[in-house]
Amino acid sequence: MSSTDILAFGRDVLARQAFSVMIGAQLDALEPGRAQLSVPLSPQLLQQDGFVHGGVLAYLADNCLTYAGGSVLGKVLTSEFKINYIRPAKDADRLVAVATVVGSGKTQAVCRCDVFLDRGGERKVCAAAQGTIRKAE
């Protein structure tokens, strides 16, 4: 599958994820071993003190990890993942997640993901995640 085809396929998959559509998630890049997803920030994604809700950050990291793993394994599921919140997510235009495959075999891939606050093209890391993505049966 060409890089154009894999990105189109990934975008089609994202369009069938109701939650992803609801929050406006976009698949910006997808190639073997790497994925980039973004979410524009809106008041609906913030908690009571104006920070992005941790669940939104976790969603973005998990989905990006899964896209990266799926780019080398095919149809996949998350087996496990861990996230570290590094700084409060606030005062940005969007969140951008970038995931890469650290290592993979026939049935699973270990991936890492950085989630950035993006304000006018300037990025600051706000979370880091790592997960194991396994081939779906």
C-alpha atoms as a PDB file:
ATOM      1  CA  MET A   1       0.000   0.000   0.000  1.00  0.00           C
ATOM      2  CA  SER A   2       1.428   3.405  -0.945  1.00  0.00           C
ATOM      3  CA  SER A   3       1.802   6.189   1.632  1.00  0.00           C
ATOM      4  CA  THR A   4      -1.150   8.002   0.042  1.00  0.00           C
ATOM      5  CA  ASP A   5      -3.272   4.846   0.254  1.00  0.00           C
ATOM      6  CA  ILE A   6      -2.357   4.118   3.887  1.00  0.00           C
ATOM      7  CA  LEU A   7      -3.262   7.682   4.908  1.00  0.00           C
ATOM      8  CA  ALA A   8      -6.586   7.505   3.029  1.00  0.00           C
ATOM      9  CA  PHE A   9      -7.341   4.137   4.638  1.00  0.00           C
ATOM     10  CA  GLY A  10      -6.488   5.516   8.090  1.00  0.00           C
ATOM     11  CA  ARG A  11      -8.715   8.549   7.565  1.00  0.00           C
ATOM     12  CA  ASP A  12     -11.584   6.271   6.533  1.00  0.00           C
ATOM     13  CA  VAL A  13     -11.141   4.282   9.753  1.00  0.00           C
ATOM     14  CA  LEU A  14     -11.111   7.496  11.817  1.00  0.00           C
ATOM     15  CA  ALA A  15     -14.310   8.682  10.104  1.00  0.00           C
ATOM     16  CA  ARG A  16     -16.021   5.509  11.381  1.00  0.00           C
ATOM     17  CA  GLN A  17     -15.064   6.228  15.014  1.00  0.00           C
ATOM     18  CA  ALA A  18     -18.039   8.166  16.389  1.00  0.00           C
ATOM     19  CA  PHE A  19     -16.129   9.595  19.376  1.00  0.00           C
ATOM     20  CA  SER A  20     -13.259  10.742  17.158  1.00  0.00           C
ATOM     21  CA  VAL A  21     -15.716  12.487  14.840  1.00  0.00           C
ATOM     22  CA  MET A  22     -17.531  14.083  17.785  1.00  0.00           C
ATOM     23  CA  ILE A  23     -14.373  15.750  19.116  1.00  0.00           C
ATOM     24  CA  GLY A  24     -13.046  16.684  15.664  1.00  0.00           C
ATOM     25  CA  ALA A  25      -9.985  14.401  15.586  1.00  0.00           C
ATOM     26  CA  GLN A  26      -7.909  14.452  12.399  1.00  0.00           C
ATOM     27  CA  LEU A  27      -5.340  11.993  11.092  1.00  0.00           C
ATOM     28  CA  ASP A  28      -2.548  14.276   9.881  1.00  0.00           C
ATOM     29  CA  ALA A  29       0.015  11.643   8.905  1.00  0.00           C
ATOM     30  CA  LEU A  30       0.298   7.871   8.696  1.00  0.00           C
ATOM     31  CA  GLU A  31       3.201   5.849   7.343  1.00  0.00           C
ATOM     32  CA  PRO A  32       4.783   2.558   8.358  1.00  0.00           C
ATOM     33  CA  GLY A  33       5.908   2.958  11.954  1.00  0.00           C
ATOM     34  CA  ARG A  34       4.582   6.497  12.527  1.00  0.00           C
ATOM     35  CA  ALA A  35       1.275   8.297  13.022  1.00  0.00           C
ATOM     36  CA  GLN A  36       0.144  11.829  13.832  1.00  0.00           C
ATOM     37  CA  LEU A  37      -3.326  12.733  15.109  1.00  0.00           C
ATOM     38  CA  SER A  38      -4.651  16.112  16.209  1.00  0.00           C
ATOM     39  CA  VAL A  39      -7.692  17.503  17.993  1.00  0.00           C
ATOM     40  CA  PRO A  40      -8.746  21.164  17.863  1.00  0.00           C
ATOM     41  CA  LEU A  41      -9.413  22.492  21.340  1.00  0.00           C
ATOM     42  CA  SER A  42     -12.900  23.644  22.252  1.00  0.00           C
ATOM     43  CA  PRO A  43     -14.597  24.513  25.555  1.00  0.00           C
ATOM     44  CA  GLN A  44     -16.349  21.120  25.539  1.00  0.00           C
ATOM     45  CA  LEU A  45     -12.978  19.376  26.021  1.00  0.00           C
ATOM     46  CA  LEU A  46     -11.982  21.352  29.118  1.00  0.00           C
ATOM     47  CA  GLN A  47     -12.522  20.510  32.759  1.00  0.00           C
ATOM     48  CA  GLN A  48     -13.838  22.973  35.354  1.00  0.00           C
ATOM     49  CA  ASP A  49     -10.531  24.877  35.732  1.00  0.00           C
ATOM     50  CA  GLY A  50      -9.977  25.384  31.989  1.00  0.00           C
ATOM     51  CA  PHE A  51      -7.486  22.561  31.437  1.00  0.00           C
ATOM     52  CA  VAL A  52      -7.978  19.906  28.757  1.00  0.00           C
ATOM     53  CA  HIS A  53      -9.592  16.909  30.416  1.00  0.00           C
ATOM     54  CA  GLY A  54      -7.119  14.078  31.013  1.00  0.00           C
ATOM     55  CA  GLY A  55      -9.447  11.680  29.221  1.00  0.00           C
ATOM     56  CA  VAL A  56      -9.040  13.665  26.007  1.00  0.00           C
ATOM     57  CA  LEU A  57      -5.243  13.431  26.283  1.00  0.00           C
ATOM     58  CA  ALA A  58      -5.490   9.696  27.008  1.00  0.00           C
ATOM     59  CA  TYR A  59      -7.847   9.164  24.056  1.00  0.00           C
ATOM     60  CA  LEU A  60      -5.474  10.970  21.706  1.00  0.00           C
ATOM     61  CA  ALA A  61      -2.405   9.061  22.909  1.00  0.00           C
ATOM     62  CA  ASP A  62      -4.187   5.691  22.811  1.00  0.00           C
ATOM     63  CA  ASN A  63      -5.589   6.210  19.333  1.00  0.00           C
ATOM     64  CA  CYS A  64      -2.278   7.483  17.972  1.00  0.00           C
ATOM     65  CA  LEU A  65      -0.398   4.537  19.506  1.00  0.00           C
ATOM     66  CA  THR A  66      -2.906   2.214  17.842  1.00  0.00           C
ATOM     67  CA  TYR A  67      -2.491   3.861  14.449  1.00  0.00           C
ATOM     68  CA  ALA A  68       1.297   3.565  14.671  1.00  0.00           C
ATOM     69  CA  GLY A  69       1.080  -0.101  15.684  1.00  0.00           C
ATOM     70  CA  GLY A  70      -1.552  -0.808  13.055  1.00  0.00           C
ATOM     71  CA  SER A  71       0.682   0.685  10.385  1.00  0.00           C
ATOM     72  CA  VAL A  72       3.023  -2.292  10.792  1.00  0.00           C
ATOM     73  CA  LEU A  73       0.613  -5.015  11.995  1.00  0.00           C
ATOM     74  CA  GLY A  74      -2.693  -4.411  10.224  1.00  0.00           C
ATOM     75  CA  LYS A  75      -5.926  -4.623  12.242  1.00  0.00           C
ATOM     76  CA  VAL A  76      -5.043  -4.092  15.914  1.00  0.00           C
ATOM     77  CA  LEU A  77      -6.220  -3.430  19.453  1.00  0.00           C
ATOM     78  CA  THR A  78      -4.496  -1.794  22.397  1.00  0.00           C
ATOM     79  CA  SER A  79      -3.238  -4.397  24.844  1.00  0.00           C
ATOM     80  CA  GLU A  80      -2.072  -1.826  27.413  1.00  0.00           C
ATOM     81  CA  PHE A  81      -0.783   1.701  27.662  1.00  0.00           C
ATOM     82  CA  LYS A  82       0.555   4.137  30.226  1.00  0.00           C
ATOM     83  CA  ILE A  83       0.452   7.909  30.116  1.00  0.00           C
ATOM     84  CA  ASN A  84       2.386  10.560  32.017  1.00  0.00           C
ATOM     85  CA  TYR A  85       0.867  14.028  32.190  1.00  0.00           C
ATOM     86  CA  ILE A  86       3.854  16.382  32.012  1.00  0.00           C
ATOM     87  CA  ARG A  87       2.234  19.828  32.111  1.00  0.00           C
ATOM     88  CA  PRO A  88      -1.336  21.114  32.257  1.00  0.00           C
ATOM     89  CA  ALA A  89      -2.893  21.293  28.817  1.00  0.00           C
ATOM     90  CA  LYS A  90      -4.155  24.843  28.496  1.00  0.00           C
ATOM     91  CA  ASP A  91      -4.043  27.863  26.188  1.00  0.00           C
ATOM     92  CA  ALA A  92      -3.468  26.081  22.884  1.00  0.00           C
ATOM     93  CA  ASP A  93      -5.175  25.883  19.506  1.00  0.00           C
ATOM     94  CA  ARG A  94      -4.986  22.108  19.304  1.00  0.00           C
ATOM     95  CA  LEU A  95      -3.414  18.967  20.657  1.00  0.00           C
ATOM     96  CA  VAL A  96      -1.066  17.013  18.403  1.00  0.00           C
ATOM     97  CA  ALA A  97      -0.026  13.419  19.110  1.00  0.00           C
ATOM     98  CA  VAL A  98       2.936  11.794  17.368  1.00  0.00           C
ATOM     99  CA  ALA A  99       3.481   8.063  17.831  1.00  0.00           C
ATOM    100  CA  THR A 100       6.268   5.800  16.609  1.00  0.00           C
ATOM    101  CA  VAL A 101       6.865   2.071  16.729  1.00  0.00           C
ATOM    102  CA  VAL A 102       9.765   1.265  19.045  1.00  0.00           C
ATOM    103  CA  GLY A 103       9.795  -2.423  18.130  1.00  0.00           C
ATOM    104  CA  SER A 104       7.458  -4.962  16.575  1.00  0.00           C
ATOM    105  CA  GLY A 105       7.084  -8.639  15.840  1.00  0.00           C
ATOM    106  CA  LYS A 106       4.415 -10.728  14.127  1.00  0.00           C
ATOM    107  CA  THR A 107       1.665 -10.136  16.692  1.00  0.00           C
ATOM    108  CA  GLN A 108       2.508  -7.045  18.721  1.00  0.00           C
ATOM    109  CA  ALA A 109       4.258  -3.698  18.614  1.00  0.00           C
ATOM    110  CA  VAL A 110       5.579  -1.489  21.388  1.00  0.00           C
ATOM    111  CA  CYS A 111       4.920   2.155  20.575  1.00  0.00           C
ATOM    112  CA  ARG A 112       5.584   5.508  22.198  1.00  0.00           C
ATOM    113  CA  CYS A 113       3.673   8.744  21.795  1.00  0.00           C
ATOM    114  CA  ASP A 114       4.250  12.386  22.676  1.00  0.00           C
ATOM    115  CA  VAL A 115       1.240  14.687  22.973  1.00  0.00           C
ATOM    116  CA  PHE A 116       1.912  18.359  22.290  1.00  0.00           C
ATOM    117  CA  LEU A 117       0.088  21.595  22.921  1.00  0.00           C
ATOM    118  CA  ASP A 118       0.178  23.454  19.614  1.00  0.00           C
ATOM    119  CA  ARG A 119      -0.244  27.224  19.666  1.00  0.00           C
ATOM    120  CA  GLY A 120       0.383  28.939  16.334  1.00  0.00           C
ATOM    121  CA  GLY A 121       2.755  26.162  15.240  1.00  0.00           C
ATOM    122  CA  GLU A 122       4.800  26.279  18.448  1.00  0.00           C
ATOM    123  CA  ARG A 123       4.679  22.967  20.298  1.00  0.00           C
ATOM    124  CA  LYS A 124       5.213  22.024  23.944  1.00  0.00           C
ATOM    125  CA  VAL A 125       5.022  18.470  25.239  1.00  0.00           C
ATOM    126  CA  CYS A 126       2.157  18.004  27.694  1.00  0.00           C
ATOM    127  CA  ALA A 127       2.011  14.187  27.920  1.00  0.00           C
ATOM    128  CA  ALA A 128       4.002  11.090  27.016  1.00  0.00           C
ATOM    129  CA  ALA A 129       2.649   7.575  26.600  1.00  0.00           C
ATOM    130  CA  GLN A 130       3.851   4.091  25.790  1.00  0.00           C
ATOM    131  CA  GLY A 131       1.770   1.077  24.874  1.00  0.00           C
ATOM    132  CA  THR A 132       1.638  -2.422  23.527  1.00  0.00           C
ATOM    133  CA  ILE A 133      -0.509  -2.837  20.446  1.00  0.00           C
ATOM    134  CA  ARG A 134      -1.537  -6.348  19.422  1.00  0.00           C
ATOM    135  CA  LYS A 135      -2.822  -7.820  16.199  1.00  0.00           C
ATOM    136  CA  ALA A 136      -6.590  -8.325  16.314  1.00  0.00           C
ATOM    137  CA  GLU A 137      -7.785 -11.884  15.826  1.00  0.00           C
END
